[in-house]
Amino acid sequence: MLKKEALHTPVETELSDDSLTLTIKIVGHFNFELAQEFRSSYEDSPAEIYAIDMRNSEYMDSSALGMLMIMRNLLGNDTIISIVNCTPQIEKILYIARLDKLFDIFSQSPKTINNVHQHPSTN
């Protein structure tokens, strides 16, 4: 009997039922090889809130930082973008690059991204 293995793409997306929140899950290394797939994941989305889930990523390079900045520029400063479930190493890179000025960064995922942004005092 053959064992069926789940295939994972490096960039997985999940749109909430109300189409307001798009979660982009990065699997493996977040680097230049994901540039097109990452951009395609959000480019035509109807979402108003974006969560980049780094739970399954252990590595991020400078090109990933650039991709995040391009995302911010394309979606605009009024769009809510959070980076969630960061490992300590990835969180450190994001803070050193001062991306905390452009994104909300969480080492764990908030209960819901929507609630975090409706009630800023709970951050």
PDB file of N, CA and C in Angstrom:
ATOM      1  N   MET A   1       0.843  -1.172   0.000  1.00  0.00           N
ATOM      2  CA  MET A   1       0.000   0.000   0.000  1.00  0.00           C
ATOM      3  C   MET A   1       0.890   1.237   0.000  1.00  0.00           C
ATOM      4  N   LEU A   2       0.591   2.185  -0.884  1.00  0.00           N
ATOM      5  CA  LEU A   2       1.354   3.419  -0.960  1.00  0.00           C
ATOM      6  C   LEU A   2       0.870   4.405   0.085  1.00  0.00           C
ATOM      7  N   LYS A   3       1.814   5.043   0.699  1.00  0.00           N
ATOM      8  CA  LYS A   3       1.476   6.051   1.684  1.00  0.00           C
ATOM      9  C   LYS A   3       1.322   7.389   0.967  1.00  0.00           C
ATOM     10  N   LYS A   4       0.206   8.030   1.166  1.00  0.00           N
ATOM     11  CA  LYS A   4      -0.055   9.308   0.515  1.00  0.00           C
ATOM     12  C   LYS A   4       0.505  10.425   1.387  1.00  0.00           C
ATOM     13  N   GLU A   5       1.395  11.223   0.811  1.00  0.00           N
ATOM     14  CA  GLU A   5       1.989  12.329   1.546  1.00  0.00           C
ATOM     15  C   GLU A   5       1.310  13.625   1.154  1.00  0.00           C
ATOM     16  N   ALA A   6       1.116  14.478   2.135  1.00  0.00           N
ATOM     17  CA  ALA A   6       0.527  15.788   1.858  1.00  0.00           C
ATOM     18  C   ALA A   6       1.569  16.664   1.180  1.00  0.00           C
ATOM     19  N   LEU A   7       1.157  17.309   0.121  1.00  0.00           N
ATOM     20  CA  LEU A   7       2.047  18.222  -0.579  1.00  0.00           C
ATOM     21  C   LEU A   7       1.824  19.627  -0.044  1.00  0.00           C
ATOM     22  N   HIS A   8       2.908  20.284   0.313  1.00  0.00           N
ATOM     23  CA  HIS A   8       2.817  21.647   0.818  1.00  0.00           C
ATOM     24  C   HIS A   8       3.517  22.573  -0.153  1.00  0.00           C
ATOM     25  N   THR A   9       2.851  23.654  -0.482  1.00  0.00           N
ATOM     26  CA  THR A   9       3.507  24.673  -1.278  1.00  0.00           C
ATOM     27  C   THR A   9       4.164  25.646  -0.311  1.00  0.00           C
ATOM     28  N   PRO A  10       5.200  26.342  -0.758  1.00  0.00           N
ATOM     29  CA  PRO A  10       5.887  27.264   0.144  1.00  0.00           C
ATOM     30  C   PRO A  10       5.033  28.455   0.580  1.00  0.00           C
ATOM     31  N   VAL A  11       4.003  28.790  -0.200  1.00  0.00           N
ATOM     32  CA  VAL A  11       3.104  29.886   0.148  1.00  0.00           C
ATOM     33  C   VAL A  11       1.671  29.366   0.057  1.00  0.00           C
ATOM     34  N   GLU A  12       0.997  29.328   1.206  1.00  0.00           N
ATOM     35  CA  GLU A  12      -0.388  28.861   1.253  1.00  0.00           C
ATOM     36  C   GLU A  12      -1.272  30.019   1.696  1.00  0.00           C
ATOM     37  N   THR A  13      -2.465  30.123   1.128  1.00  0.00           N
ATOM     38  CA  THR A  13      -3.361  31.214   1.500  1.00  0.00           C
ATOM     39  C   THR A  13      -4.693  30.678   1.998  1.00  0.00           C
ATOM     40  N   GLU A  14      -5.310  31.469   2.860  1.00  0.00           N
ATOM     41  CA  GLU A  14      -6.629  31.133   3.389  1.00  0.00           C
ATOM     42  C   GLU A  14      -7.409  32.434   3.564  1.00  0.00           C
ATOM     43  N   LEU A  15      -8.519  32.559   2.851  1.00  0.00           N
ATOM     44  CA  LEU A  15      -9.377  33.739   2.936  1.00  0.00           C
ATOM     45  C   LEU A  15     -10.498  33.444   3.924  1.00  0.00           C
ATOM     46  N   SER A  16     -10.734  34.371   4.849  1.00  0.00           N
ATOM     47  CA  SER A  16     -11.789  34.175   5.846  1.00  0.00           C
ATOM     48  C   SER A  16     -13.154  34.090   5.167  1.00  0.00           C
ATOM     49  N   ASP A  17     -14.118  33.538   5.874  1.00  0.00           N
ATOM     50  CA  ASP A  17     -15.467  33.363   5.326  1.00  0.00           C
ATOM     51  C   ASP A  17     -16.090  34.679   4.872  1.00  0.00           C
ATOM     52  N   ASP A  18     -15.776  35.765   5.581  1.00  0.00           N
ATOM     53  CA  ASP A  18     -16.336  37.065   5.208  1.00  0.00           C
ATOM     54  C   ASP A  18     -15.476  37.800   4.173  1.00  0.00           C
ATOM     55  N   SER A  19     -14.402  37.153   3.724  1.00  0.00           N
ATOM     56  CA  SER A  19     -13.471  37.696   2.713  1.00  0.00           C
ATOM     57  C   SER A  19     -12.740  38.953   3.168  1.00  0.00           C
ATOM     58  N   LEU A  20     -12.731  39.221   4.472  1.00  0.00           N
ATOM     59  CA  LEU A  20     -12.044  40.410   4.971  1.00  0.00           C
ATOM     60  C   LEU A  20     -10.583  40.160   5.309  1.00  0.00           C
ATOM     61  N   THR A  21     -10.255  38.927   5.714  1.00  0.00           N
ATOM     62  CA  THR A  21      -8.898  38.624   6.171  1.00  0.00           C
ATOM     63  C   THR A  21      -8.274  37.532   5.318  1.00  0.00           C
ATOM     64  N   LEU A  22      -7.089  37.832   4.805  1.00  0.00           N
ATOM     65  CA  LEU A  22      -6.316  36.843   4.057  1.00  0.00           C
ATOM     66  C   LEU A  22      -5.114  36.449   4.901  1.00  0.00           C
ATOM     67  N   THR A  23      -4.987  35.155   5.182  1.00  0.00           N
ATOM     68  CA  THR A  23      -3.818  34.640   5.884  1.00  0.00           C
ATOM     69  C   THR A  23      -2.898  34.013   4.851  1.00  0.00           C
ATOM     70  N   ILE A  24      -1.649  34.454   4.859  1.00  0.00           N
ATOM     71  CA  ILE A  24      -0.626  33.937   3.947  1.00  0.00           C
ATOM     72  C   ILE A  24       0.363  33.161   4.801  1.00  0.00           C
ATOM     73  N   LYS A  25       0.434  31.851   4.583  1.00  0.00           N
ATOM     74  CA  LYS A  25       1.322  30.996   5.375  1.00  0.00           C
ATOM     75  C   LYS A  25       2.588  30.717   4.576  1.00  0.00           C
ATOM     76  N   ILE A  26       3.726  31.018   5.185  1.00  0.00           N
ATOM     77  CA  ILE A  26       5.027  30.761   4.569  1.00  0.00           C
ATOM     78  C   ILE A  26       5.552  29.448   5.136  1.00  0.00           C
ATOM     79  N   VAL A  27       5.896  28.521   4.254  1.00  0.00           N
ATOM     80  CA  VAL A  27       6.398  27.211   4.662  1.00  0.00           C
ATOM     81  C   VAL A  27       7.838  27.082   4.183  1.00  0.00           C
ATOM     82  N   GLY A  28       8.752  26.820   5.120  1.00  0.00           N
ATOM     83  CA  GLY A  28      10.164  26.677   4.756  1.00  0.00           C
ATOM     84  C   GLY A  28      10.874  28.019   4.725  1.00  0.00           C
ATOM     85  N   HIS A  29      11.811  28.153   3.814  1.00  0.00           N
ATOM     86  CA  HIS A  29      12.621  29.366   3.722  1.00  0.00           C
ATOM     87  C   HIS A  29      11.868  30.461   2.986  1.00  0.00           C
ATOM     88  N   PHE A  30      11.830  31.645   3.585  1.00  0.00           N
ATOM     89  CA  PHE A  30      11.215  32.814   2.961  1.00  0.00           C
ATOM     90  C   PHE A  30      12.349  33.581   2.291  1.00  0.00           C
ATOM     91  N   ASN A  31      12.508  33.346   0.983  1.00  0.00           N
ATOM     92  CA  ASN A  31      13.624  33.948   0.255  1.00  0.00           C
ATOM     93  C   ASN A  31      13.202  34.302  -1.168  1.00  0.00           C
ATOM     94  N   PHE A  32      14.168  34.704  -1.987  1.00  0.00           N
ATOM     95  CA  PHE A  32      13.912  35.189  -3.342  1.00  0.00           C
ATOM     96  C   PHE A  32      13.126  34.196  -4.191  1.00  0.00           C
ATOM     97  N   GLU A  33      13.318  32.918  -3.956  1.00  0.00           N
ATOM     98  CA  GLU A  33      12.621  31.896  -4.745  1.00  0.00           C
ATOM     99  C   GLU A  33      11.098  31.986  -4.607  1.00  0.00           C
ATOM    100  N   LEU A  34      10.612  32.627  -3.560  1.00  0.00           N
ATOM    101  CA  LEU A  34       9.167  32.746  -3.335  1.00  0.00           C
ATOM    102  C   LEU A  34       8.585  34.061  -3.843  1.00  0.00           C
ATOM    103  N   ALA A  35       9.400  34.902  -4.458  1.00  0.00           N
ATOM    104  CA  ALA A  35       8.970  36.257  -4.823  1.00  0.00           C
ATOM    105  C   ALA A  35       7.670  36.277  -5.618  1.00  0.00           C
ATOM    106  N   GLN A  36       7.602  35.560  -6.708  1.00  0.00           N
ATOM    107  CA  GLN A  36       6.408  35.597  -7.551  1.00  0.00           C
ATOM    108  C   GLN A  36       5.206  34.967  -6.857  1.00  0.00           C
ATOM    109  N   GLU A  37       5.429  33.834  -6.218  1.00  0.00           N
ATOM    110  CA  GLU A  37       4.329  33.147  -5.532  1.00  0.00           C
ATOM    111  C   GLU A  37       3.781  33.991  -4.376  1.00  0.00           C
ATOM    112  N   PHE A  38       4.690  34.649  -3.640  1.00  0.00           N
ATOM    113  CA  PHE A  38       4.258  35.493  -2.530  1.00  0.00           C
ATOM    114  C   PHE A  38       3.413  36.659  -3.045  1.00  0.00           C
ATOM    115  N   ARG A  39       3.897  37.330  -4.076  1.00  0.00           N
ATOM    116  CA  ARG A  39       3.152  38.476  -4.614  1.00  0.00           C
ATOM    117  C   ARG A  39       1.793  38.034  -5.167  1.00  0.00           C
ATOM    118  N   SER A  40       1.769  36.920  -5.851  1.00  0.00           N
ATOM    119  CA  SER A  40       0.508  36.410  -6.405  1.00  0.00           C
ATOM    120  C   SER A  40      -0.499  36.064  -5.311  1.00  0.00           C
ATOM    121  N   SER A  41      -0.008  35.752  -4.121  1.00  0.00           N
ATOM    122  CA  SER A  41      -0.898  35.332  -3.036  1.00  0.00           C
ATOM    123  C   SER A  41      -1.800  36.459  -2.544  1.00  0.00           C
ATOM    124  N   TYR A  42      -1.379  37.708  -2.703  1.00  0.00           N
ATOM    125  CA  TYR A  42      -2.175  38.828  -2.203  1.00  0.00           C
ATOM    126  C   TYR A  42      -2.596  39.823  -3.277  1.00  0.00           C
ATOM    127  N   GLU A  43      -2.012  39.727  -4.446  1.00  0.00           N
ATOM    128  CA  GLU A  43      -2.169  40.758  -5.475  1.00  0.00           C
ATOM    129  C   GLU A  43      -3.625  41.086  -5.826  1.00  0.00           C
ATOM    130  N   ASP A  44      -4.459  40.103  -6.017  1.00  0.00           N
ATOM    131  CA  ASP A  44      -5.846  40.349  -6.422  1.00  0.00           C
ATOM    132  C   ASP A  44      -6.844  40.021  -5.317  1.00  0.00           C
ATOM    133  N   SER A  45      -6.393  40.035  -4.093  1.00  0.00           N
ATOM    134  CA  SER A  45      -7.249  39.661  -2.972  1.00  0.00           C
ATOM    135  C   SER A  45      -8.236  40.776  -2.628  1.00  0.00           C
ATOM    136  N   PRO A  46      -9.468  40.399  -2.264  1.00  0.00           N
ATOM    137  CA  PRO A  46     -10.448  41.390  -1.824  1.00  0.00           C
ATOM    138  C   PRO A  46     -10.278  41.765  -0.345  1.00  0.00           C
ATOM    139  N   ALA A  47      -9.326  41.140   0.330  1.00  0.00           N
ATOM    140  CA  ALA A  47      -9.165  41.313   1.778  1.00  0.00           C
ATOM    141  C   ALA A  47      -8.808  42.751   2.149  1.00  0.00           C
ATOM    142  N   GLU A  48      -9.154  43.090   3.380  1.00  0.00           N
ATOM    143  CA  GLU A  48      -8.796  44.383   3.961  1.00  0.00           C
ATOM    144  C   GLU A  48      -7.728  44.215   5.037  1.00  0.00           C
ATOM    145  N   ILE A  49      -7.608  42.992   5.536  1.00  0.00           N
ATOM    146  CA  ILE A  49      -6.656  42.674   6.603  1.00  0.00           C
ATOM    147  C   ILE A  49      -5.827  41.482   6.144  1.00  0.00           C
ATOM    148  N   TYR A  50      -4.511  41.570   6.347  1.00  0.00           N
ATOM    149  CA  TYR A  50      -3.601  40.513   5.910  1.00  0.00           C
ATOM    150  C   TYR A  50      -2.789  40.032   7.101  1.00  0.00           C
ATOM    151  N   ALA A  51      -2.652  38.719   7.217  1.00  0.00           N
ATOM    152  CA  ALA A  51      -1.817  38.117   8.256  1.00  0.00           C
ATOM    153  C   ALA A  51      -0.812  37.205   7.566  1.00  0.00           C
ATOM    154  N   ILE A  52       0.456  37.476   7.784  1.00  0.00           N
ATOM    155  CA  ILE A  52       1.509  36.627   7.238  1.00  0.00           C
ATOM    156  C   ILE A  52       1.942  35.700   8.369  1.00  0.00           C
ATOM    157  N   ASP A  53       1.641  34.423   8.215  1.00  0.00           N
ATOM    158  CA  ASP A  53       1.884  33.430   9.262  1.00  0.00           C
ATOM    159  C   ASP A  53       3.236  32.766   9.021  1.00  0.00           C
ATOM    160  N   MET A  54       4.161  33.002   9.936  1.00  0.00           N
ATOM    161  CA  MET A  54       5.531  32.494   9.820  1.00  0.00           C
ATOM    162  C   MET A  54       5.760  31.234  10.653  1.00  0.00           C
ATOM    163  N   ARG A  55       4.696  30.618  11.135  1.00  0.00           N
ATOM    164  CA  ARG A  55       4.803  29.437  12.016  1.00  0.00           C
ATOM    165  C   ARG A  55       5.687  28.337  11.441  1.00  0.00           C
ATOM    166  N   ASN A  56       5.593  28.105  10.147  1.00  0.00           N
ATOM    167  CA  ASN A  56       6.327  27.007   9.513  1.00  0.00           C
ATOM    168  C   ASN A  56       7.528  27.482   8.708  1.00  0.00           C
ATOM    169  N   SER A  57       8.041  28.643   9.066  1.00  0.00           N
ATOM    170  CA  SER A  57       9.227  29.174   8.394  1.00  0.00           C
ATOM    171  C   SER A  57      10.318  29.405   9.428  1.00  0.00           C
ATOM    172  N   GLU A  58      11.487  28.905   9.122  1.00  0.00           N
ATOM    173  CA  GLU A  58      12.595  29.048  10.068  1.00  0.00           C
ATOM    174  C   GLU A  58      13.679  29.987   9.555  1.00  0.00           C
ATOM    175  N   TYR A  59      13.472  30.529   8.352  1.00  0.00           N
ATOM    176  CA  TYR A  59      14.528  31.345   7.747  1.00  0.00           C
ATOM    177  C   TYR A  59      13.915  32.448   6.898  1.00  0.00           C
ATOM    178  N   MET A  60      14.520  33.628   6.967  1.00  0.00           N
ATOM    179  CA  MET A  60      14.102  34.768   6.162  1.00  0.00           C
ATOM    180  C   MET A  60      15.360  35.533   5.774  1.00  0.00           C
ATOM    181  N   ASP A  61      15.479  35.883   4.479  1.00  0.00           N
ATOM    182  CA  ASP A  61      16.653  36.646   4.066  1.00  0.00           C
ATOM    183  C   ASP A  61      16.256  38.067   3.664  1.00  0.00           C
ATOM    184  N   SER A  62      17.226  38.841   3.185  1.00  0.00           N
ATOM    185  CA  SER A  62      16.972  40.240   2.851  1.00  0.00           C
ATOM    186  C   SER A  62      15.971  40.395   1.713  1.00  0.00           C
ATOM    187  N   SER A  63      15.909  39.443   0.806  1.00  0.00           N
ATOM    188  CA  SER A  63      14.919  39.546  -0.271  1.00  0.00           C
ATOM    189  C   SER A  63      13.500  39.406   0.286  1.00  0.00           C
ATOM    190  N   ALA A  64      13.327  38.623   1.341  1.00  0.00           N
ATOM    191  CA  ALA A  64      12.014  38.508   1.983  1.00  0.00           C
ATOM    192  C   ALA A  64      11.618  39.841   2.612  1.00  0.00           C
ATOM    193  N   LEU A  65      12.584  40.535   3.204  1.00  0.00           N
ATOM    194  CA  LEU A  65      12.300  41.864   3.756  1.00  0.00           C
ATOM    195  C   LEU A  65      11.841  42.799   2.645  1.00  0.00           C
ATOM    196  N   GLY A  66      12.507  42.712   1.502  1.00  0.00           N
ATOM    197  CA  GLY A  66      12.116  43.520   0.349  1.00  0.00           C
ATOM    198  C   GLY A  66      10.719  43.177  -0.134  1.00  0.00           C
ATOM    199  N   MET A  67      10.385  41.889  -0.148  1.00  0.00           N
ATOM    200  CA  MET A  67       9.040  41.472  -0.577  1.00  0.00           C
ATOM    201  C   MET A  67       7.969  42.024   0.360  1.00  0.00           C
ATOM    202  N   LEU A  68       8.272  42.056   1.651  1.00  0.00           N
ATOM    203  CA  LEU A  68       7.324  42.616   2.609  1.00  0.00           C
ATOM    204  C   LEU A  68       7.133  44.112   2.377  1.00  0.00           C
ATOM    205  N   MET A  69       8.218  44.811   2.084  1.00  0.00           N
ATOM    206  CA  MET A  69       8.125  46.247   1.829  1.00  0.00           C
ATOM    207  C   MET A  69       7.356  46.528   0.535  1.00  0.00           C
ATOM    208  N   ILE A  70       7.555  45.699  -0.474  1.00  0.00           N
ATOM    209  CA  ILE A  70       6.794  45.844  -1.721  1.00  0.00           C
ATOM    210  C   ILE A  70       5.310  45.617  -1.445  1.00  0.00           C
ATOM    211  N   MET A  71       5.006  44.607  -0.632  1.00  0.00           N
ATOM    212  CA  MET A  71       3.611  44.345  -0.273  1.00  0.00           C
ATOM    213  C   MET A  71       2.997  45.571   0.391  1.00  0.00           C
ATOM    214  N   ARG A  72       3.723  46.147   1.345  1.00  0.00           N
ATOM    215  CA  ARG A  72       3.239  47.342   2.042  1.00  0.00           C
ATOM    216  C   ARG A  72       2.982  48.471   1.039  1.00  0.00           C
ATOM    217  N   ASN A  73       3.912  48.688   0.115  1.00  0.00           N
ATOM    218  CA  ASN A  73       3.751  49.761  -0.872  1.00  0.00           C
ATOM    219  C   ASN A  73       2.567  49.514  -1.796  1.00  0.00           C
ATOM    220  N   LEU A  74       2.401  48.277  -2.253  1.00  0.00           N
ATOM    221  CA  LEU A  74       1.302  47.964  -3.173  1.00  0.00           C
ATOM    222  C   LEU A  74      -0.066  48.059  -2.503  1.00  0.00           C
ATOM    223  N   LEU A  75      -0.159  47.608  -1.257  1.00  0.00           N
ATOM    224  CA  LEU A  75      -1.447  47.601  -0.565  1.00  0.00           C
ATOM    225  C   LEU A  75      -1.761  48.930   0.111  1.00  0.00           C
ATOM    226  N   GLY A  76      -0.744  49.749   0.329  1.00  0.00           N
ATOM    227  CA  GLY A  76      -0.953  51.061   0.934  1.00  0.00           C
ATOM    228  C   GLY A  76      -0.799  51.046   2.442  1.00  0.00           C
ATOM    229  N   ASN A  77      -0.549  52.223   2.980  1.00  0.00           N
ATOM    230  CA  ASN A  77      -0.303  52.356   4.415  1.00  0.00           C
ATOM    231  C   ASN A  77      -1.547  52.159   5.269  1.00  0.00           C
ATOM    232  N   ASP A  78      -2.727  52.287   4.682  1.00  0.00           N
ATOM    233  CA  ASP A  78      -3.955  52.126   5.454  1.00  0.00           C
ATOM    234  C   ASP A  78      -4.382  50.671   5.601  1.00  0.00           C
ATOM    235  N   THR A  79      -3.768  49.778   4.840  1.00  0.00           N
ATOM    236  CA  THR A  79      -4.102  48.357   4.912  1.00  0.00           C
ATOM    237  C   THR A  79      -3.447  47.741   6.143  1.00  0.00           C
ATOM    238  N   ILE A  80      -4.194  46.945   6.869  1.00  0.00           N
ATOM    239  CA  ILE A  80      -3.675  46.279   8.066  1.00  0.00           C
ATOM    240  C   ILE A  80      -2.926  45.021   7.637  1.00  0.00           C
ATOM    241  N   ILE A  81      -1.643  44.973   7.972  1.00  0.00           N
ATOM    242  CA  ILE A  81      -0.815  43.802   7.675  1.00  0.00           C
ATOM    243  C   ILE A  81      -0.096  43.405   8.956  1.00  0.00           C
ATOM    244  N   SER A  82      -0.299  42.168   9.386  1.00  0.00           N
ATOM    245  CA  SER A  82       0.369  41.648  10.578  1.00  0.00           C
ATOM    246  C   SER A  82       1.248  40.471  10.192  1.00  0.00           C
ATOM    247  N   ILE A  83       2.369  40.358  10.872  1.00  0.00           N
ATOM    248  CA  ILE A  83       3.251  39.202  10.715  1.00  0.00           C
ATOM    249  C   ILE A  83       3.146  38.437  12.030  1.00  0.00           C
ATOM    250  N   VAL A  84       2.669  37.192  11.956  1.00  0.00           N
ATOM    251  CA  VAL A  84       2.330  36.450  13.170  1.00  0.00           C
ATOM    252  C   VAL A  84       3.104  35.136  13.268  1.00  0.00           C
ATOM    253  N   ASN A  85       3.143  34.607  14.481  1.00  0.00           N
ATOM    254  CA  ASN A  85       3.802  33.325  14.773  1.00  0.00           C
ATOM    255  C   ASN A  85       5.271  33.329  14.372  1.00  0.00           C
ATOM    256  N   CYS A  86       5.949  34.425  14.672  1.00  0.00           N
ATOM    257  CA  CYS A  86       7.369  34.547  14.327  1.00  0.00           C
ATOM    258  C   CYS A  86       8.236  33.767  15.305  1.00  0.00           C
ATOM    259  N   THR A  87       9.236  33.085  14.782  1.00  0.00           N
ATOM    260  CA  THR A  87      10.245  32.487  15.647  1.00  0.00           C
ATOM    261  C   THR A  87      11.067  33.633  16.233  1.00  0.00           C
ATOM    262  N   PRO A  88      11.775  33.405  17.331  1.00  0.00           N
ATOM    263  CA  PRO A  88      12.611  34.472  17.885  1.00  0.00           C
ATOM    264  C   PRO A  88      13.617  35.019  16.863  1.00  0.00           C
ATOM    265  N   GLN A  89      14.184  34.142  16.041  1.00  0.00           N
ATOM    266  CA  GLN A  89      15.159  34.577  15.040  1.00  0.00           C
ATOM    267  C   GLN A  89      14.511  35.495  13.997  1.00  0.00           C
ATOM    268  N   ILE A  90      13.358  35.115  13.489  1.00  0.00           N
ATOM    269  CA  ILE A  90      12.672  35.934  12.487  1.00  0.00           C
ATOM    270  C   ILE A  90      12.184  37.238  13.106  1.00  0.00           C
ATOM    271  N   GLU A  91      11.677  37.174  14.311  1.00  0.00           N
ATOM    272  CA  GLU A  91      11.229  38.387  14.995  1.00  0.00           C
ATOM    273  C   GLU A  91      12.392  39.366  15.168  1.00  0.00           C
ATOM    274  N   LYS A  92      13.559  38.854  15.524  1.00  0.00           N
ATOM    275  CA  LYS A  92      14.745  39.699  15.687  1.00  0.00           C
ATOM    276  C   LYS A  92      15.113  40.383  14.366  1.00  0.00           C
ATOM    277  N   ILE A  93      15.085  39.634  13.267  1.00  0.00           N
ATOM    278  CA  ILE A  93      15.393  40.200  11.945  1.00  0.00           C
ATOM    279  C   ILE A  93      14.411  41.321  11.607  1.00  0.00           C
ATOM    280  N   LEU A  94      13.129  41.092  11.864  1.00  0.00           N
ATOM    281  CA  LEU A  94      12.112  42.099  11.552  1.00  0.00           C
ATOM    282  C   LEU A  94      12.324  43.379  12.353  1.00  0.00           C
ATOM    283  N   TYR A  95      12.686  43.243  13.627  1.00  0.00           N
ATOM    284  CA  TYR A  95      12.919  44.420  14.462  1.00  0.00           C
ATOM    285  C   TYR A  95      14.217  45.135  14.083  1.00  0.00           C
ATOM    286  N   ILE A  96      15.261  44.391  13.768  1.00  0.00           N
ATOM    287  CA  ILE A  96      16.517  45.017  13.340  1.00  0.00           C
ATOM    288  C   ILE A  96      16.297  45.820  12.062  1.00  0.00           C
ATOM    289  N   ALA A  97      15.475  45.286  11.154  1.00  0.00           N
ATOM    290  CA  ALA A  97      15.168  45.975   9.895  1.00  0.00           C
ATOM    291  C   ALA A  97      14.121  47.078  10.098  1.00  0.00           C
ATOM    292  N   ARG A  98      13.659  47.227  11.321  1.00  0.00           N
ATOM    293  CA  ARG A  98      12.677  48.247  11.702  1.00  0.00           C
ATOM    294  C   ARG A  98      11.335  48.083  10.985  1.00  0.00           C
ATOM    295  N   LEU A  99      11.010  46.849  10.627  1.00  0.00           N
ATOM    296  CA  LEU A  99       9.734  46.602   9.969  1.00  0.00           C
ATOM    297  C   LEU A  99       8.557  46.688  10.941  1.00  0.00           C
ATOM    298  N   ASP A 100       8.863  46.779  12.241  1.00  0.00           N
ATOM    299  CA  ASP A 100       7.793  46.990  13.211  1.00  0.00           C
ATOM    300  C   ASP A 100       7.141  48.356  13.020  1.00  0.00           C
ATOM    301  N   LYS A 101       7.782  49.238  12.257  1.00  0.00           N
ATOM    302  CA  LYS A 101       7.203  50.549  11.939  1.00  0.00           C
ATOM    303  C   LYS A 101       6.170  50.438  10.815  1.00  0.00           C
ATOM    304  N   LEU A 102       6.231  49.346  10.032  1.00  0.00           N
ATOM    305  CA  LEU A 102       5.337  49.159   8.885  1.00  0.00           C
ATOM    306  C   LEU A 102       4.301  48.062   9.095  1.00  0.00           C
ATOM    307  N   PHE A 103       4.581  47.139  10.025  1.00  0.00           N
ATOM    308  CA  PHE A 103       3.731  45.971  10.247  1.00  0.00           C
ATOM    309  C   PHE A 103       3.537  45.755  11.738  1.00  0.00           C
ATOM    310  N   ASP A 104       2.420  45.124  12.099  1.00  0.00           N
ATOM    311  CA  ASP A 104       2.244  44.634  13.464  1.00  0.00           C
ATOM    312  C   ASP A 104       2.914  43.270  13.516  1.00  0.00           C
ATOM    313  N   ILE A 105       3.781  43.061  14.501  1.00  0.00           N
ATOM    314  CA  ILE A 105       4.550  41.820  14.595  1.00  0.00           C
ATOM    315  C   ILE A 105       4.179  41.112  15.893  1.00  0.00           C
ATOM    316  N   PHE A 106       3.844  39.819  15.768  1.00  0.00           N
ATOM    317  CA  PHE A 106       3.444  39.018  16.921  1.00  0.00           C
ATOM    318  C   PHE A 106       4.238  37.721  16.938  1.00  0.00           C
ATOM    319  N   SER A 107       4.793  37.364  18.105  1.00  0.00           N
ATOM    320  CA  SER A 107       5.500  36.087  18.210  1.00  0.00           C
ATOM    321  C   SER A 107       4.509  34.930  18.214  1.00  0.00           C
ATOM    322  N   GLN A 108       3.287  35.200  18.619  1.00  0.00           N
ATOM    323  CA  GLN A 108       2.216  34.207  18.536  1.00  0.00           C
ATOM    324  C   GLN A 108       1.065  34.841  17.778  1.00  0.00           C
ATOM    325  N   SER A 109       0.170  34.005  17.305  1.00  0.00           N
ATOM    326  CA  SER A 109      -0.986  34.519  16.578  1.00  0.00           C
ATOM    327  C   SER A 109      -2.022  35.025  17.565  1.00  0.00           C
ATOM    328  N   PRO A 110      -2.508  36.255  17.375  1.00  0.00           N
ATOM    329  CA  PRO A 110      -3.606  36.721  18.222  1.00  0.00           C
ATOM    330  C   PRO A 110      -4.825  35.825  17.999  1.00  0.00           C
ATOM    331  N   LYS A 111      -5.771  35.853  18.931  1.00  0.00           N
ATOM    332  CA  LYS A 111      -6.964  35.009  18.776  1.00  0.00           C
ATOM    333  C   LYS A 111      -7.602  35.239  17.421  1.00  0.00           C
ATOM    334  N   THR A 112      -7.801  36.476  17.070  1.00  0.00           N
ATOM    335  CA  THR A 112      -8.215  36.806  15.708  1.00  0.00           C
ATOM    336  C   THR A 112      -7.555  38.119  15.337  1.00  0.00           C
ATOM    337  N   ILE A 113      -7.096  38.202  14.139  1.00  0.00           N
ATOM    338  CA  ILE A 113      -6.459  39.427  13.668  1.00  0.00           C
ATOM    339  C   ILE A 113      -7.461  40.574  13.725  1.00  0.00           C
ATOM    340  N   ASN A 114      -8.716  40.319  13.396  1.00  0.00           N
ATOM    341  CA  ASN A 114      -9.729  41.372  13.413  1.00  0.00           C
ATOM    342  C   ASN A 114      -9.857  41.998  14.793  1.00  0.00           C
ATOM    343  N   ASN A 115      -9.910  41.175  15.849  1.00  0.00           N
ATOM    344  CA  ASN A 115     -10.071  41.699  17.203  1.00  0.00           C
ATOM    345  C   ASN A 115      -8.883  42.533  17.639  1.00  0.00           C
ATOM    346  N   VAL A 116      -7.691  42.163  17.251  1.00  0.00           N
ATOM    347  CA  VAL A 116      -6.501  42.918  17.623  1.00  0.00           C
ATOM    348  C   VAL A 116      -6.606  44.336  17.097  1.00  0.00           C
ATOM    349  N   HIS A 117      -7.096  44.488  15.890  1.00  0.00           N
ATOM    350  CA  HIS A 117      -7.133  45.808  15.283  1.00  0.00           C
ATOM    351  C   HIS A 117      -8.370  46.601  15.669  1.00  0.00           C
ATOM    352  N   GLN A 118      -9.377  45.948  16.219  1.00  0.00           N
ATOM    353  CA  GLN A 118     -10.536  46.673  16.720  1.00  0.00           C
ATOM    354  C   GLN A 118     -10.279  47.187  18.132  1.00  0.00           C
ATOM    355  N   HIS A 119      -9.395  46.508  18.861  1.00  0.00           N
ATOM    356  CA  HIS A 119      -9.109  46.862  20.246  1.00  0.00           C
ATOM    357  C   HIS A 119      -7.602  46.965  20.446  1.00  0.00           C
ATOM    358  N   PRO A 120      -6.980  48.075  20.012  1.00  0.00           N
ATOM    359  CA  PRO A 120      -5.524  48.189  20.076  1.00  0.00           C
ATOM    360  C   PRO A 120      -4.953  48.055  21.479  1.00  0.00           C
ATOM    361  N   SER A 121      -5.728  48.336  22.509  1.00  0.00           N
ATOM    362  CA  SER A 121      -5.194  48.257  23.864  1.00  0.00           C
ATOM    363  C   SER A 121      -4.911  46.832  24.308  1.00  0.00           C
ATOM    364  N   THR A 122      -5.360  45.828  23.542  1.00  0.00           N
ATOM    365  CA  THR A 122      -5.127  44.437  23.926  1.00  0.00           C
ATOM    366  C   THR A 122      -3.852  43.876  23.338  1.00  0.00           C
ATOM    367  N   ASN A 123      -3.076  44.661  22.575  1.00  0.00           N
ATOM    368  CA  ASN A 123      -1.823  44.165  21.975  1.00  0.00           C
ATOM    369  C   ASN A 123      -0.855  43.729  23.012  1.00  0.00           C
TER     370      ASN A 123
END
